[in-house]
Amino acid sequence: KQVEQKRLAEIAEKRKAEEEAEKKRKNAAEAEVRRQQEEADLQRRMAEEEQKRAANNSRLQTLRDQYLLHIQQHISRNWLQPAQMTGGWQCEVKVQQNAMGDILSVQMVNCNGSEAFRSSVEQAVIKSSPLPVPREPDVFDKTLRFIFKPKS
């Protein structure tokens, strides 16, 4: 009887150990599935965030381009064409401004026109101070670079 009870106890212990091992395997498998789901969720959220960031950057770049065009038009209205000007002249202009649009400095980086043309562009930029302030604060840049090309 004792041998039988011992054998039954061993069988019960073995079954309990197998059940515990199966429970651990099941818990580990469930934990791995949860981890994979969380990782997939994180990857999806990161991809969505990257898409939002890219869309916002694209929107801001479009607004920056519009802002620069607005500034160029503003400057063009203040430009006086020098005498004896030929077509195809242009200047790359670098402007430093403060947050209010006040021009702090103007630099002609590359200019293929005469000295009179170069001077007229510089005077038009200075006369255009303060520059228009963008509607979107993220578009503002203290340093502006653009090509001034008079309409022929």
C-alpha atoms as a PDB file:
ATOM      1  CA  LYS A   1       0.000   0.000   0.000  1.00  0.00           C
ATOM      2  CA  GLN A   2       2.839   2.384   0.829  1.00  0.00           C
ATOM      3  CA  VAL A   3       4.597   1.559  -2.420  1.00  0.00           C
ATOM      4  CA  GLU A   4       1.370   2.245  -4.299  1.00  0.00           C
ATOM      5  CA  GLN A   5       0.871   5.551  -2.453  1.00  0.00           C
ATOM      6  CA  LYS A   6       4.478   6.506  -3.136  1.00  0.00           C
ATOM      7  CA  ARG A   7       4.062   5.661  -6.817  1.00  0.00           C
ATOM      8  CA  LEU A   8       0.823   7.675  -6.984  1.00  0.00           C
ATOM      9  CA  ALA A   9       2.508  10.603  -5.199  1.00  0.00           C
ATOM     10  CA  GLU A  10       5.401  10.451  -7.703  1.00  0.00           C
ATOM     11  CA  ILE A  11       2.957  10.378 -10.581  1.00  0.00           C
ATOM     12  CA  ALA A  12       1.066  13.334  -9.065  1.00  0.00           C
ATOM     13  CA  GLU A  13       4.333  15.240  -8.562  1.00  0.00           C
ATOM     14  CA  LYS A  14       5.440  14.443 -12.099  1.00  0.00           C
ATOM     15  CA  ARG A  15       2.050  15.548 -13.455  1.00  0.00           C
ATOM     16  CA  LYS A  16       2.224  18.731 -11.347  1.00  0.00           C
ATOM     17  CA  ALA A  17       5.776  19.432 -12.592  1.00  0.00           C
ATOM     18  CA  GLU A  18       4.646  18.847 -16.196  1.00  0.00           C
ATOM     19  CA  GLU A  19       1.660  21.156 -15.659  1.00  0.00           C
ATOM     20  CA  GLU A  20       3.949  23.815 -14.183  1.00  0.00           C
ATOM     21  CA  ALA A  21       6.373  23.445 -17.082  1.00  0.00           C
ATOM     22  CA  GLU A  22       3.479  23.663 -19.569  1.00  0.00           C
ATOM     23  CA  LYS A  23       2.120  26.721 -17.728  1.00  0.00           C
ATOM     24  CA  LYS A  24       5.569  28.362 -17.900  1.00  0.00           C
ATOM     25  CA  ARG A  25       5.867  27.550 -21.633  1.00  0.00           C
ATOM     26  CA  LYS A  26       2.363  28.929 -22.226  1.00  0.00           C
ATOM     27  CA  ASN A  27       3.114  32.102 -20.226  1.00  0.00           C
ATOM     28  CA  ALA A  28       6.416  32.543 -22.060  1.00  0.00           C
ATOM     29  CA  ALA A  29       4.673  32.098 -25.436  1.00  0.00           C
ATOM     30  CA  GLU A  30       1.963  34.596 -24.444  1.00  0.00           C
ATOM     31  CA  ALA A  31       4.611  37.048 -23.227  1.00  0.00           C
ATOM     32  CA  GLU A  32       6.466  36.667 -26.540  1.00  0.00           C
ATOM     33  CA  VAL A  33       3.258  37.312 -28.493  1.00  0.00           C
ATOM     34  CA  ARG A  34       2.566  40.424 -26.356  1.00  0.00           C
ATOM     35  CA  ARG A  35       6.142  41.616 -26.862  1.00  0.00           C
ATOM     36  CA  GLN A  36       5.868  41.146 -30.616  1.00  0.00           C
ATOM     37  CA  GLN A  37       2.514  42.961 -30.665  1.00  0.00           C
ATOM     38  CA  GLU A  38       3.947  45.834 -28.619  1.00  0.00           C
ATOM     39  CA  GLU A  39       6.960  46.014 -30.916  1.00  0.00           C
ATOM     40  CA  ALA A  40       4.709  46.026 -33.989  1.00  0.00           C
ATOM     41  CA  ASP A  41       2.576  48.718 -32.345  1.00  0.00           C
ATOM     42  CA  LEU A  42       5.663  50.794 -31.613  1.00  0.00           C
ATOM     43  CA  GLN A  43       6.900  50.376 -35.200  1.00  0.00           C
ATOM     44  CA  ARG A  44       3.477  51.418 -36.535  1.00  0.00           C
ATOM     45  CA  ARG A  45       3.346  54.478 -34.254  1.00  0.00           C
ATOM     46  CA  MET A  46       6.899  55.433 -35.245  1.00  0.00           C
ATOM     47  CA  ALA A  47       6.007  55.104 -38.947  1.00  0.00           C
ATOM     48  CA  GLU A  48       2.871  57.223 -38.438  1.00  0.00           C
ATOM     49  CA  GLU A  49       4.905  59.821 -36.569  1.00  0.00           C
ATOM     50  CA  GLU A  50       7.495  59.885 -39.341  1.00  0.00           C
ATOM     51  CA  GLN A  51       4.740  60.357 -41.930  1.00  0.00           C
ATOM     52  CA  LYS A  52       3.283  63.231 -39.900  1.00  0.00           C
ATOM     53  CA  ARG A  53       6.740  64.791 -39.545  1.00  0.00           C
ATOM     54  CA  ALA A  54       7.395  64.437 -43.288  1.00  0.00           C
ATOM     55  CA  ALA A  55       4.005  65.955 -44.135  1.00  0.00           C
ATOM     56  CA  ASN A  56       4.637  68.827 -41.729  1.00  0.00           C
ATOM     57  CA  ASN A  57       8.127  69.412 -43.154  1.00  0.00           C
ATOM     58  CA  SER A  58       6.681  69.440 -46.657  1.00  0.00           C
ATOM     59  CA  ARG A  59       3.989  71.903 -45.578  1.00  0.00           C
ATOM     60  CA  LEU A  60       6.578  74.129 -43.887  1.00  0.00           C
ATOM     61  CA  GLN A  61       8.829  74.027 -46.955  1.00  0.00           C
ATOM     62  CA  THR A  62       5.916  75.117 -49.131  1.00  0.00           C
ATOM     63  CA  LEU A  63       5.187  77.946 -46.687  1.00  0.00           C
ATOM     64  CA  ARG A  64       8.888  78.936 -46.683  1.00  0.00           C
ATOM     65  CA  ASP A  65       8.914  79.033 -50.475  1.00  0.00           C
ATOM     66  CA  GLN A  66       5.776  81.208 -50.470  1.00  0.00           C
ATOM     67  CA  TYR A  67       7.306  83.455 -47.806  1.00  0.00           C
ATOM     68  CA  LEU A  68      10.510  83.932 -49.830  1.00  0.00           C
ATOM     69  CA  LEU A  69       8.454  84.679 -52.949  1.00  0.00           C
ATOM     70  CA  HIS A  70       6.470  87.261 -50.962  1.00  0.00           C
ATOM     71  CA  ILE A  71       9.712  88.891 -49.792  1.00  0.00           C
ATOM     72  CA  GLN A  72      11.132  88.916 -53.328  1.00  0.00           C
ATOM     73  CA  GLN A  73       7.947  90.594 -54.597  1.00  0.00           C
ATOM     74  CA  HIS A  74       8.150  93.108 -51.751  1.00  0.00           C
ATOM     75  CA  ILE A  75      11.755  93.934 -52.676  1.00  0.00           C
ATOM     76  CA  SER A  76      10.947  94.085 -56.415  1.00  0.00           C
ATOM     77  CA  ARG A  77       8.390  96.809 -55.733  1.00  0.00           C
ATOM     78  CA  ASN A  78      11.178  98.913 -54.176  1.00  0.00           C
ATOM     79  CA  TRP A  79      13.722  98.242 -56.933  1.00  0.00           C
ATOM     80  CA  LEU A  80      14.643 100.962 -59.391  1.00  0.00           C
ATOM     81  CA  GLN A  81      16.141  99.658 -62.616  1.00  0.00           C
ATOM     82  CA  PRO A  82      19.492 101.242 -63.407  1.00  0.00           C
ATOM     83  CA  ALA A  83      20.062 102.850 -66.776  1.00  0.00           C
ATOM     84  CA  GLN A  84      21.729 100.754 -69.455  1.00  0.00           C
ATOM     85  CA  MET A  85      20.726  97.443 -67.989  1.00  0.00           C
ATOM     86  CA  THR A  86      20.838  94.336 -70.127  1.00  0.00           C
ATOM     87  CA  GLY A  87      18.733  91.201 -69.645  1.00  0.00           C
ATOM     88  CA  GLY A  88      19.765  88.119 -67.701  1.00  0.00           C
ATOM     89  CA  TRP A  89      21.269  89.919 -64.749  1.00  0.00           C
ATOM     90  CA  GLN A  90      20.672  88.481 -61.315  1.00  0.00           C
ATOM     91  CA  CYS A  91      22.068  88.605 -57.811  1.00  0.00           C
ATOM     92  CA  GLU A  92      22.106  86.042 -55.052  1.00  0.00           C
ATOM     93  CA  VAL A  93      21.190  87.991 -51.938  1.00  0.00           C
ATOM     94  CA  LYS A  94      21.842  87.042 -48.323  1.00  0.00           C
ATOM     95  CA  VAL A  95      19.815  89.014 -45.776  1.00  0.00           C
ATOM     96  CA  GLN A  96      20.063  88.967 -41.991  1.00  0.00           C
ATOM     97  CA  GLN A  97      16.879  90.068 -40.229  1.00  0.00           C
ATOM     98  CA  ASN A  98      15.550  90.228 -36.698  1.00  0.00           C
ATOM     99  CA  ALA A  99      12.245  88.772 -35.480  1.00  0.00           C
ATOM    100  CA  MET A 100      10.398  91.957 -36.462  1.00  0.00           C
ATOM    101  CA  GLY A 101      11.634  91.768 -40.061  1.00  0.00           C
ATOM    102  CA  ASP A 102      14.094  94.650 -39.654  1.00  0.00           C
ATOM    103  CA  ILE A 103      17.053  94.124 -41.964  1.00  0.00           C
ATOM    104  CA  LEU A 104      20.334  93.904 -40.066  1.00  0.00           C
ATOM    105  CA  SER A 105      22.628  93.250 -43.023  1.00  0.00           C
ATOM    106  CA  VAL A 106      22.570  92.684 -46.781  1.00  0.00           C
ATOM    107  CA  GLN A 107      25.227  90.798 -48.663  1.00  0.00           C
ATOM    108  CA  MET A 108      25.460  90.207 -52.400  1.00  0.00           C
ATOM    109  CA  VAL A 109      26.876  86.693 -52.611  1.00  0.00           C
ATOM    110  CA  ASN A 110      26.991  86.357 -56.382  1.00  0.00           C
ATOM    111  CA  CYS A 111      25.994  89.017 -58.862  1.00  0.00           C
ATOM    112  CA  ASN A 112      26.502  88.925 -62.629  1.00  0.00           C
ATOM    113  CA  GLY A 113      25.344  92.482 -63.366  1.00  0.00           C
ATOM    114  CA  SER A 114      27.002  95.856 -63.334  1.00  0.00           C
ATOM    115  CA  GLU A 115      27.967  97.694 -60.151  1.00  0.00           C
ATOM    116  CA  ALA A 116      24.925  99.950 -60.683  1.00  0.00           C
ATOM    117  CA  PHE A 117      22.671  96.883 -60.837  1.00  0.00           C
ATOM    118  CA  ARG A 118      24.266  95.392 -57.746  1.00  0.00           C
ATOM    119  CA  SER A 119      23.856  98.663 -55.867  1.00  0.00           C
ATOM    120  CA  SER A 120      20.230  99.036 -56.990  1.00  0.00           C
ATOM    121  CA  VAL A 121      19.376  95.570 -55.671  1.00  0.00           C
ATOM    122  CA  GLU A 122      21.078  96.281 -52.355  1.00  0.00           C
ATOM    123  CA  GLN A 123      19.203  99.601 -52.024  1.00  0.00           C
ATOM    124  CA  ALA A 124      15.892  97.884 -52.834  1.00  0.00           C
ATOM    125  CA  VAL A 125      16.504  95.341 -50.078  1.00  0.00           C
ATOM    126  CA  ILE A 126      17.416  98.032 -47.541  1.00  0.00           C
ATOM    127  CA  LYS A 127      14.409 100.127 -48.554  1.00  0.00           C
ATOM    128  CA  SER A 128      12.161  97.062 -48.039  1.00  0.00           C
ATOM    129  CA  SER A 129      12.896  96.954 -44.312  1.00  0.00           C
ATOM    130  CA  PRO A 130      10.993  95.785 -42.358  1.00  0.00           C
ATOM    131  CA  LEU A 131      10.364  92.633 -44.348  1.00  0.00           C
ATOM    132  CA  PRO A 132       6.971  90.948 -44.089  1.00  0.00           C
ATOM    133  CA  VAL A 133       6.698  88.594 -41.124  1.00  0.00           C
ATOM    134  CA  PRO A 134       5.454  85.087 -41.984  1.00  0.00           C
ATOM    135  CA  ARG A 135       2.037  83.973 -40.732  1.00  0.00           C
ATOM    136  CA  GLU A 136       3.537  80.737 -39.422  1.00  0.00           C
ATOM    137  CA  PRO A 137       6.312  81.342 -36.838  1.00  0.00           C
ATOM    138  CA  ASP A 138       8.101  78.094 -37.794  1.00  0.00           C
ATOM    139  CA  VAL A 139       8.709  79.542 -41.269  1.00  0.00           C
ATOM    140  CA  PHE A 140      10.725  82.487 -39.961  1.00  0.00           C
ATOM    141  CA  ASP A 141      14.462  82.399 -40.543  1.00  0.00           C
ATOM    142  CA  LYS A 142      16.976  85.027 -39.435  1.00  0.00           C
ATOM    143  CA  THR A 143      19.051  84.397 -42.556  1.00  0.00           C
ATOM    144  CA  LEU A 144      17.371  84.537 -45.945  1.00  0.00           C
ATOM    145  CA  ARG A 145      18.985  83.623 -49.271  1.00  0.00           C
ATOM    146  CA  PHE A 146      17.317  84.172 -52.591  1.00  0.00           C
ATOM    147  CA  ILE A 147      18.027  85.049 -56.205  1.00  0.00           C
ATOM    148  CA  PHE A 148      16.904  88.495 -57.279  1.00  0.00           C
ATOM    149  CA  LYS A 149      15.986  88.344 -60.987  1.00  0.00           C
ATOM    150  CA  PRO A 150      14.296  91.382 -62.461  1.00  0.00           C
ATOM    151  CA  LYS A 151      11.444  90.687 -64.836  1.00  0.00           C
ATOM    152  CA  SER A 152      12.631  91.405 -68.362  1.00  0.00           C
END
